[in-house]
Protein backbone atom coordinates (compact mmCIF):
# COMPACT_ATOMS: atom_id res chain seq x y z
CA MET A 1 -21.44 0.48 43.68
CA THR A 2 -23.23 -1.22 46.56
CA ASN A 3 -23.32 -0.08 50.16
CA ASN A 4 -23.62 -3.68 51.44
CA GLY A 5 -26.43 -2.67 53.80
CA SER A 6 -24.58 0.38 55.06
CA ASN A 7 -26.46 3.67 55.24
CA TRP A 8 -23.31 5.81 55.28
CA ASN A 9 -24.29 7.56 52.06
CA ALA A 10 -27.83 8.27 53.25
CA ILE A 11 -26.43 9.66 56.53
CA MET A 12 -24.03 11.90 54.65
CA GLN A 13 -26.70 13.16 52.26
CA TYR A 14 -29.22 13.78 55.04
CA SER A 15 -26.71 15.61 57.20
CA PHE A 16 -25.61 17.99 54.47
CA LEU A 17 -29.01 18.52 52.83
CA HIS A 18 -31.19 18.77 55.93
CA VAL A 19 -28.93 19.57 58.85
CA PHE A 20 -26.10 21.81 57.70
CA ALA A 21 -27.71 23.39 54.64
CA ASN A 22 -30.65 24.40 56.81
CA ASP A 23 -29.17 26.08 59.88
CA GLY A 24 -25.84 24.40 60.58
CA VAL A 25 -26.91 22.70 63.79
CA ILE A 26 -28.43 19.39 64.76
CA ASP A 27 -31.82 19.55 66.43
CA HIS A 28 -33.59 16.69 68.24
CA ASP A 29 -35.54 15.49 65.18
CA GLU A 30 -32.46 15.59 62.95
CA LEU A 31 -30.45 13.62 65.49
CA GLN A 32 -33.19 11.01 65.72
CA MET A 33 -33.15 10.64 61.94
CA LEU A 34 -29.36 10.25 61.88
CA GLN A 35 -29.64 7.59 64.58
CA ARG A 36 -32.45 5.79 62.71
CA LEU A 37 -30.41 5.74 59.51
CA ALA A 38 -27.31 4.45 61.29
CA LEU A 39 -29.22 1.75 63.17
CA GLN A 40 -31.55 0.65 60.40
CA ASP A 41 -29.78 -2.70 60.18
CA GLY A 42 -29.23 -2.90 63.95
CA ALA A 43 -25.57 -1.86 63.97
CA VAL A 44 -23.32 1.08 63.20
CA ASP A 45 -20.69 -0.06 60.71
CA ASP A 46 -17.28 1.52 60.11
CA LYS A 47 -18.41 3.67 57.18
CA GLU A 48 -21.41 4.96 59.13
CA ARG A 49 -19.17 5.60 62.13
CA ASP A 50 -16.76 7.59 59.95
CA VAL A 51 -19.52 9.78 58.49
CA LEU A 52 -21.10 10.33 61.91
CA THR A 53 -17.70 11.30 63.32
CA ARG A 54 -17.43 14.01 60.66
CA VAL A 55 -21.02 15.16 61.18
CA PHE A 56 -20.72 15.39 64.97
CA ALA A 57 -17.37 17.20 64.69
CA ARG A 58 -19.21 20.13 63.08
CA VAL A 59 -21.20 20.90 66.24
CA ASN A 60 -20.25 21.75 69.80
CA PRO A 61 -22.01 22.42 73.11
CA GLN A 62 -22.48 26.07 72.19
CA THR A 63 -24.23 25.34 68.88
CA VAL A 64 -26.76 22.69 69.91
CA ASP A 65 -29.37 22.33 72.61
CA PRO A 66 -27.86 20.83 75.80
CA VAL A 67 -30.24 17.87 75.66
CA VAL A 68 -29.22 17.15 72.06
CA TRP A 69 -25.54 17.50 72.98
CA ASP A 70 -25.96 14.95 75.79
CA GLU A 71 -27.72 12.54 73.44
CA ILE A 72 -24.97 12.92 70.83
CA GLN A 73 -22.37 12.11 73.50
CA ARG A 74 -24.33 9.02 74.65
CA PHE A 75 -24.75 7.82 71.06
CA LYS A 76 -21.06 8.33 70.32
CA THR A 77 -20.02 6.43 73.43
CA GLN A 78 -22.46 3.59 72.88
CA PHE A 79 -21.38 2.98 69.29
CA GLY A 80 -17.68 3.90 69.40
CA ILE A 81 -17.97 7.07 67.35
CA ALA A 82 -15.03 9.42 67.75
C-alpha cells in the first residue's frame, strides 16, 4: 500500500509513540515535528488533515502550554484542520 506522498501514517505513528505514549500532551518540539511531517511535501492533504484533527482533539487549553495551544490553533486555521 502506498501513501502517494502523504505522511498521514508517519504523523499517526509519531503522535502515538512520541506524544501520547510519553506524557499525553503536545509540547513545542512535538508540534514542530507534526507540522514538519504534514508539510514535508508542501501541503496538508486530506488524510494528514484527518489524522491531525484526531491528534489535536486529544488536547485542550488546560493540557498544553498556552503558546503551543495558540500555534495549534493557527496551524489548524491555516490548513483547514477541524
